[in-house]
Amino acid sequence: MFSQDENATIYYLAGTKGWGSTFGGRPTSLYIEVTITQQPASQTVEAGSSVTFTVDATGTPPLAFQ
């Protein structure tokens, strides 16, 4: 399903044809593979408490995680 979010960025793979700086009026960005070099450690906390996870990765900046 195509997102109707006006702030969405369309990601594409290198080597594909027909891509420009926009697609359907939305910005495009090259999808670069990210390699996780350190996985976040498991943690146990009480429900409702805050927790912070740390992860290390390599790839072409800027890197983003979700």
PDB file of N, CA and C in Angstrom:
ATOM      1  N   MET A   1       0.843  -1.173   0.000  1.00  0.00           N
ATOM      2  CA  MET A   1       0.000   0.000   0.000  1.00  0.00           C
ATOM      3  C   MET A   1       0.894   1.244   0.000  1.00  0.00           C
ATOM      4  N   PHE A   2       0.541   2.223  -0.780  1.00  0.00           N
ATOM      5  CA  PHE A   2       1.313   3.456  -0.886  1.00  0.00           C
ATOM      6  C   PHE A   2       0.857   4.429   0.187  1.00  0.00           C
ATOM      7  N   SER A   3       1.797   4.951   0.943  1.00  0.00           N
ATOM      8  CA  SER A   3       1.485   5.890   2.012  1.00  0.00           C
ATOM      9  C   SER A   3       1.085   7.247   1.423  1.00  0.00           C
ATOM     10  N   GLN A   4       0.088   7.858   1.998  1.00  0.00           N
ATOM     11  CA  GLN A   4      -0.338   9.177   1.568  1.00  0.00           C
ATOM     12  C   GLN A   4       0.309  10.281   2.393  1.00  0.00           C
ATOM     13  N   ASP A   5       1.242   9.926   3.272  1.00  0.00           N
ATOM     14  CA  ASP A   5       1.946  10.888   4.107  1.00  0.00           C
ATOM     15  C   ASP A   5       2.774  11.812   3.223  1.00  0.00           C
ATOM     16  N   GLU A   6       2.493  13.107   3.266  1.00  0.00           N
ATOM     17  CA  GLU A   6       3.213  14.062   2.424  1.00  0.00           C
ATOM     18  C   GLU A   6       4.678  14.195   2.822  1.00  0.00           C
ATOM     19  N   ASN A   7       5.053  13.761   4.042  1.00  0.00           N
ATOM     20  CA  ASN A   7       6.427  13.866   4.503  1.00  0.00           C
ATOM     21  C   ASN A   7       7.222  12.593   4.231  1.00  0.00           C
ATOM     22  N   ALA A   8       6.600  11.610   3.613  1.00  0.00           N
ATOM     23  CA  ALA A   8       7.271  10.323   3.382  1.00  0.00           C
ATOM     24  C   ALA A   8       8.383  10.477   2.350  1.00  0.00           C
ATOM     25  N   THR A   9       9.414   9.673   2.523  1.00  0.00           N
ATOM     26  CA  THR A   9      10.490   9.580   1.544  1.00  0.00           C
ATOM     27  C   THR A   9      10.421   8.205   0.907  1.00  0.00           C
ATOM     28  N   ILE A  10      10.527   8.126  -0.404  1.00  0.00           N
ATOM     29  CA  ILE A  10      10.538   6.874  -1.144  1.00  0.00           C
ATOM     30  C   ILE A  10      11.983   6.418  -1.243  1.00  0.00           C
ATOM     31  N   TYR A  11      12.274   5.166  -0.848  1.00  0.00           N
ATOM     32  CA  TYR A  11      13.626   4.623  -0.937  1.00  0.00           C
ATOM     33  C   TYR A  11      13.722   3.681  -2.128  1.00  0.00           C
ATOM     34  N   TYR A  12      14.827   3.723  -2.849  1.00  0.00           N
ATOM     35  CA  TYR A  12      15.012   2.869  -4.009  1.00  0.00           C
ATOM     36  C   TYR A  12      16.384   2.214  -3.957  1.00  0.00           C
ATOM     37  N   LEU A  13      16.533   1.116  -4.662  1.00  0.00           N
ATOM     38  CA  LEU A  13      17.792   0.381  -4.691  1.00  0.00           C
ATOM     39  C   LEU A  13      18.692   0.900  -5.801  1.00  0.00           C
ATOM     40  N   ALA A  14      19.980   0.939  -5.509  1.00  0.00           N
ATOM     41  CA  ALA A  14      20.954   1.361  -6.517  1.00  0.00           C
ATOM     42  C   ALA A  14      20.875   0.435  -7.726  1.00  0.00           C
ATOM     43  N   GLY A  15      21.045   0.983  -8.913  1.00  0.00           N
ATOM     44  CA  GLY A  15      21.033   0.188 -10.134  1.00  0.00           C
ATOM     45  C   GLY A  15      19.655   0.065 -10.766  1.00  0.00           C
ATOM     46  N   THR A  16      18.611   0.503 -10.074  1.00  0.00           N
ATOM     47  CA  THR A  16      17.288   0.456 -10.672  1.00  0.00           C
ATOM     48  C   THR A  16      17.135   1.630 -11.627  1.00  0.00           C
ATOM     49  N   LYS A  17      16.266   1.502 -12.605  1.00  0.00           N
ATOM     50  CA  LYS A  17      16.127   2.521 -13.644  1.00  0.00           C
ATOM     51  C   LYS A  17      14.867   3.344 -13.442  1.00  0.00           C
ATOM     52  N   GLY A  18      14.896   4.571 -13.944  1.00  0.00           N
ATOM     53  CA  GLY A  18      13.721   5.417 -13.964  1.00  0.00           C
ATOM     54  C   GLY A  18      13.534   6.278 -12.728  1.00  0.00           C
ATOM     55  N   TRP A  19      14.513   6.307 -11.839  1.00  0.00           N
ATOM     56  CA  TRP A  19      14.367   7.094 -10.622  1.00  0.00           C
ATOM     57  C   TRP A  19      14.950   8.476 -10.805  1.00  0.00           C
ATOM     58  N   GLY A  20      14.293   9.451 -10.206  1.00  0.00           N
ATOM     59  CA  GLY A  20      14.780  10.818 -10.177  1.00  0.00           C
ATOM     60  C   GLY A  20      14.805  11.300  -8.748  1.00  0.00           C
ATOM     61  N   SER A  21      14.857  12.610  -8.555  1.00  0.00           N
ATOM     62  CA  SER A  21      14.898  13.153  -7.201  1.00  0.00           C
ATOM     63  C   SER A  21      13.534  13.116  -6.528  1.00  0.00           C
ATOM     64  N   THR A  22      12.467  12.891  -7.321  1.00  0.00           N
ATOM     65  CA  THR A  22      11.128  12.745  -6.755  1.00  0.00           C
ATOM     66  C   THR A  22      10.395  11.596  -7.444  1.00  0.00           C
ATOM     67  N   PHE A  23       9.369  11.086  -6.776  1.00  0.00           N
ATOM     68  CA  PHE A  23       8.496  10.051  -7.325  1.00  0.00           C
ATOM     69  C   PHE A  23       7.107  10.361  -6.811  1.00  0.00           C
ATOM     70  N   GLY A  24       6.176  10.627  -7.703  1.00  0.00           N
ATOM     71  CA  GLY A  24       4.817  10.981  -7.277  1.00  0.00           C
ATOM     72  C   GLY A  24       4.787  12.223  -6.403  1.00  0.00           C
ATOM     73  N   GLY A  25       5.740  13.150  -6.627  1.00  0.00           N
ATOM     74  CA  GLY A  25       5.787  14.375  -5.849  1.00  0.00           C
ATOM     75  C   GLY A  25       6.471  14.233  -4.507  1.00  0.00           C
ATOM     76  N   ARG A  26       6.956  13.039  -4.179  1.00  0.00           N
ATOM     77  CA  ARG A  26       7.631  12.809  -2.905  1.00  0.00           C
ATOM     78  C   ARG A  26       9.126  12.639  -3.142  1.00  0.00           C
ATOM     79  N   PRO A  27       9.965  13.067  -2.182  1.00  0.00           N
ATOM     80  CA  PRO A  27      11.414  12.941  -2.373  1.00  0.00           C
ATOM     81  C   PRO A  27      11.851  11.480  -2.391  1.00  0.00           C
ATOM     82  N   THR A  28      12.887  11.192  -3.150  1.00  0.00           N
ATOM     83  CA  THR A  28      13.456   9.845  -3.177  1.00  0.00           C
ATOM     84  C   THR A  28      14.842   9.875  -2.547  1.00  0.00           C
ATOM     85  N   SER A  29      15.256   8.735  -2.028  1.00  0.00           N
ATOM     86  CA  SER A  29      16.575   8.609  -1.416  1.00  0.00           C
ATOM     87  C   SER A  29      17.098   7.216  -1.685  1.00  0.00           C
ATOM     88  N   LEU A  30      18.390   7.119  -1.937  1.00  0.00           N
ATOM     89  CA  LEU A  30      19.023   5.836  -2.203  1.00  0.00           C
ATOM     90  C   LEU A  30      19.005   4.983  -0.945  1.00  0.00           C
ATOM     91  N   TYR A  31      18.539   3.737  -1.072  1.00  0.00           N
ATOM     92  CA  TYR A  31      18.541   2.793   0.042  1.00  0.00           C
ATOM     93  C   TYR A  31      19.928   2.192   0.145  1.00  0.00           C
ATOM     94  N   ILE A  32      20.595   2.405   1.264  1.00  0.00           N
ATOM     95  CA  ILE A  32      21.918   1.863   1.530  1.00  0.00           C
ATOM     96  C   ILE A  32      21.786   0.833   2.648  1.00  0.00           C
ATOM     97  N   GLU A  33      22.350  -0.339   2.416  1.00  0.00           N
ATOM     98  CA  GLU A  33      22.270  -1.376   3.437  1.00  0.00           C
ATOM     99  C   GLU A  33      23.043  -0.955   4.685  1.00  0.00           C
ATOM    100  N   VAL A  34      22.427  -1.175   5.828  1.00  0.00           N
ATOM    101  CA  VAL A  34      23.034  -0.889   7.119  1.00  0.00           C
ATOM    102  C   VAL A  34      23.390  -2.216   7.770  1.00  0.00           C
ATOM    103  N   THR A  35      24.579  -2.307   8.353  1.00  0.00           N
ATOM    104  CA  THR A  35      25.002  -3.520   9.052  1.00  0.00           C
ATOM    105  C   THR A  35      25.045  -3.230  10.543  1.00  0.00           C
ATOM    106  N   ILE A  36      24.286  -3.992  11.321  1.00  0.00           N
ATOM    107  CA  ILE A  36      24.294  -3.873  12.776  1.00  0.00           C
ATOM    108  C   ILE A  36      25.564  -4.557  13.281  1.00  0.00           C
ATOM    109  N   THR A  37      26.437  -3.803  13.951  1.00  0.00           N
ATOM    110  CA  THR A  37      27.694  -4.369  14.454  1.00  0.00           C
ATOM    111  C   THR A  37      27.618  -4.729  15.927  1.00  0.00           C
ATOM    112  N   GLN A  38      26.660  -4.163  16.657  1.00  0.00           N
ATOM    113  CA  GLN A  38      26.431  -4.521  18.047  1.00  0.00           C
ATOM    114  C   GLN A  38      24.935  -4.471  18.303  1.00  0.00           C
ATOM    115  N   GLN A  39      24.358  -5.632  18.615  1.00  0.00           N
ATOM    116  CA  GLN A  39      22.932  -5.719  18.894  1.00  0.00           C
ATOM    117  C   GLN A  39      22.633  -5.104  20.262  1.00  0.00           C
ATOM    118  N   PRO A  40      21.436  -4.553  20.441  1.00  0.00           N
ATOM    119  CA  PRO A  40      21.063  -4.053  21.767  1.00  0.00           C
ATOM    120  C   PRO A  40      20.922  -5.218  22.748  1.00  0.00           C
ATOM    121  N   ALA A  41      21.318  -5.004  23.986  1.00  0.00           N
ATOM    122  CA  ALA A  41      21.244  -6.034  25.018  1.00  0.00           C
ATOM    123  C   ALA A  41      19.833  -6.109  25.591  1.00  0.00           C
ATOM    124  N   SER A  42      19.398  -7.323  25.940  1.00  0.00           N
ATOM    125  CA  SER A  42      18.103  -7.507  26.594  1.00  0.00           C
ATOM    126  C   SER A  42      18.116  -6.840  27.961  1.00  0.00           C
ATOM    127  N   GLN A  43      16.977  -6.269  28.339  1.00  0.00           N
ATOM    128  CA  GLN A  43      16.848  -5.621  29.634  1.00  0.00           C
ATOM    129  C   GLN A  43      15.490  -5.961  30.228  1.00  0.00           C
ATOM    130  N   THR A  44      15.443  -6.039  31.538  1.00  0.00           N
ATOM    131  CA  THR A  44      14.188  -6.268  32.244  1.00  0.00           C
ATOM    132  C   THR A  44      13.893  -5.035  33.085  1.00  0.00           C
ATOM    133  N   VAL A  45      12.711  -4.461  32.892  1.00  0.00           N
ATOM    134  CA  VAL A  45      12.295  -3.283  33.668  1.00  0.00           C
ATOM    135  C   VAL A  45      10.848  -3.465  34.092  1.00  0.00           C
ATOM    136  N   GLU A  46      10.431  -2.709  35.083  1.00  0.00           N
ATOM    137  CA  GLU A  46       9.041  -2.749  35.521  1.00  0.00           C
ATOM    138  C   GLU A  46       8.169  -2.043  34.488  1.00  0.00           C
ATOM    139  N   ALA A  47       6.942  -2.529  34.344  1.00  0.00           N
ATOM    140  CA  ALA A  47       5.995  -1.918  33.406  1.00  0.00           C
ATOM    141  C   ALA A  47       5.848  -0.437  33.708  1.00  0.00           C
ATOM    142  N   GLY A  48       5.880   0.370  32.671  1.00  0.00           N
ATOM    143  CA  GLY A  48       5.738   1.815  32.800  1.00  0.00           C
ATOM    144  C   GLY A  48       7.051   2.544  32.995  1.00  0.00           C
ATOM    145  N   SER A  49       8.142   1.788  33.213  1.00  0.00           N
ATOM    146  CA  SER A  49       9.459   2.404  33.376  1.00  0.00           C
ATOM    147  C   SER A  49      10.075   2.704  32.027  1.00  0.00           C
ATOM    148  N   SER A  50      11.018   3.637  32.017  1.00  0.00           N
ATOM    149  CA  SER A  50      11.763   3.955  30.795  1.00  0.00           C
ATOM    150  C   SER A  50      12.923   2.989  30.640  1.00  0.00           C
ATOM    151  N   VAL A  51      13.307   2.768  29.403  1.00  0.00           N
ATOM    152  CA  VAL A  51      14.461   1.921  29.118  1.00  0.00           C
ATOM    153  C   VAL A  51      15.164   2.493  27.888  1.00  0.00           C
ATOM    154  N   THR A  52      16.489   2.379  27.849  1.00  0.00           N
ATOM    155  CA  THR A  52      17.278   2.842  26.711  1.00  0.00           C
ATOM    156  C   THR A  52      18.050   1.668  26.142  1.00  0.00           C
ATOM    157  N   PHE A  53      17.982   1.503  24.831  1.00  0.00           N
ATOM    158  CA  PHE A  53      18.739   0.471  24.133  1.00  0.00           C
ATOM    159  C   PHE A  53      19.824   1.146  23.313  1.00  0.00           C
ATOM    160  N   THR A  54      20.990   0.518  23.248  1.00  0.00           N
ATOM    161  CA  THR A  54      22.108   1.043  22.466  1.00  0.00           C
ATOM    162  C   THR A  54      22.443   0.047  21.366  1.00  0.00           C
ATOM    163  N   VAL A  55      22.671   0.564  20.168  1.00  0.00           N
ATOM    164  CA  VAL A  55      23.027  -0.273  19.032  1.00  0.00           C
ATOM    165  C   VAL A  55      24.123   0.433  18.241  1.00  0.00           C
ATOM    166  N   ASP A  56      25.048  -0.336  17.691  1.00  0.00           N
ATOM    167  CA  ASP A  56      26.072   0.215  16.802  1.00  0.00           C
ATOM    168  C   ASP A  56      25.846  -0.359  15.407  1.00  0.00           C
ATOM    169  N   ALA A  57      26.091   0.493  14.392  1.00  0.00           N
ATOM    170  CA  ALA A  57      25.881   0.047  13.015  1.00  0.00           C
ATOM    171  C   ALA A  57      26.863   0.754  12.099  1.00  0.00           C
ATOM    172  N   THR A  58      27.083   0.155  10.925  1.00  0.00           N
ATOM    173  CA  THR A  58      27.909   0.776   9.899  1.00  0.00           C
ATOM    174  C   THR A  58      27.065   0.923   8.637  1.00  0.00           C
ATOM    175  N   GLY A  59      27.412   1.900   7.839  1.00  0.00           N
ATOM    176  CA  GLY A  59      26.719   2.178   6.594  1.00  0.00           C
ATOM    177  C   GLY A  59      27.012   3.596   6.184  1.00  0.00           C
ATOM    178  N   THR A  60      26.413   4.028   5.104  1.00  0.00           N
ATOM    179  CA  THR A  60      26.622   5.390   4.626  1.00  0.00           C
ATOM    180  C   THR A  60      25.714   6.339   5.385  1.00  0.00           C
ATOM    181  N   PRO A  61      26.268   7.331   6.100  1.00  0.00           N
ATOM    182  CA  PRO A  61      25.451   8.287   6.841  1.00  0.00           C
ATOM    183  C   PRO A  61      24.565   9.089   5.904  1.00  0.00           C
ATOM    184  N   PRO A  62      23.434   9.599   6.379  1.00  0.00           N
ATOM    185  CA  PRO A  62      22.966   9.461   7.745  1.00  0.00           C
ATOM    186  C   PRO A  62      22.256   8.130   7.959  1.00  0.00           C
ATOM    187  N   LEU A  63      22.530   7.466   9.066  1.00  0.00           N
ATOM    188  CA  LEU A  63      21.868   6.200   9.393  1.00  0.00           C
ATOM    189  C   LEU A  63      20.618   6.516  10.211  1.00  0.00           C
ATOM    190  N   ALA A  64      19.586   5.713  10.006  1.00  0.00           N
ATOM    191  CA  ALA A  64      18.349   5.879  10.768  1.00  0.00           C
ATOM    192  C   ALA A  64      17.873   4.518  11.218  1.00  0.00           C
ATOM    193  N   PHE A  65      17.280   4.456  12.368  1.00  0.00           N
ATOM    194  CA  PHE A  65      16.785   3.211  12.932  1.00  0.00           C
ATOM    195  C   PHE A  65      15.327   3.364  13.284  1.00  0.00           C
ATOM    196  N   GLN A  66      14.595   2.256  13.223  1.00  0.00           N
ATOM    197  CA  GLN A  66      13.185   2.285  13.606  1.00  0.00           C
ATOM    198  C   GLN A  66      12.840   1.011  14.306  1.00  0.00           C
TER     199      GLN A  66
END
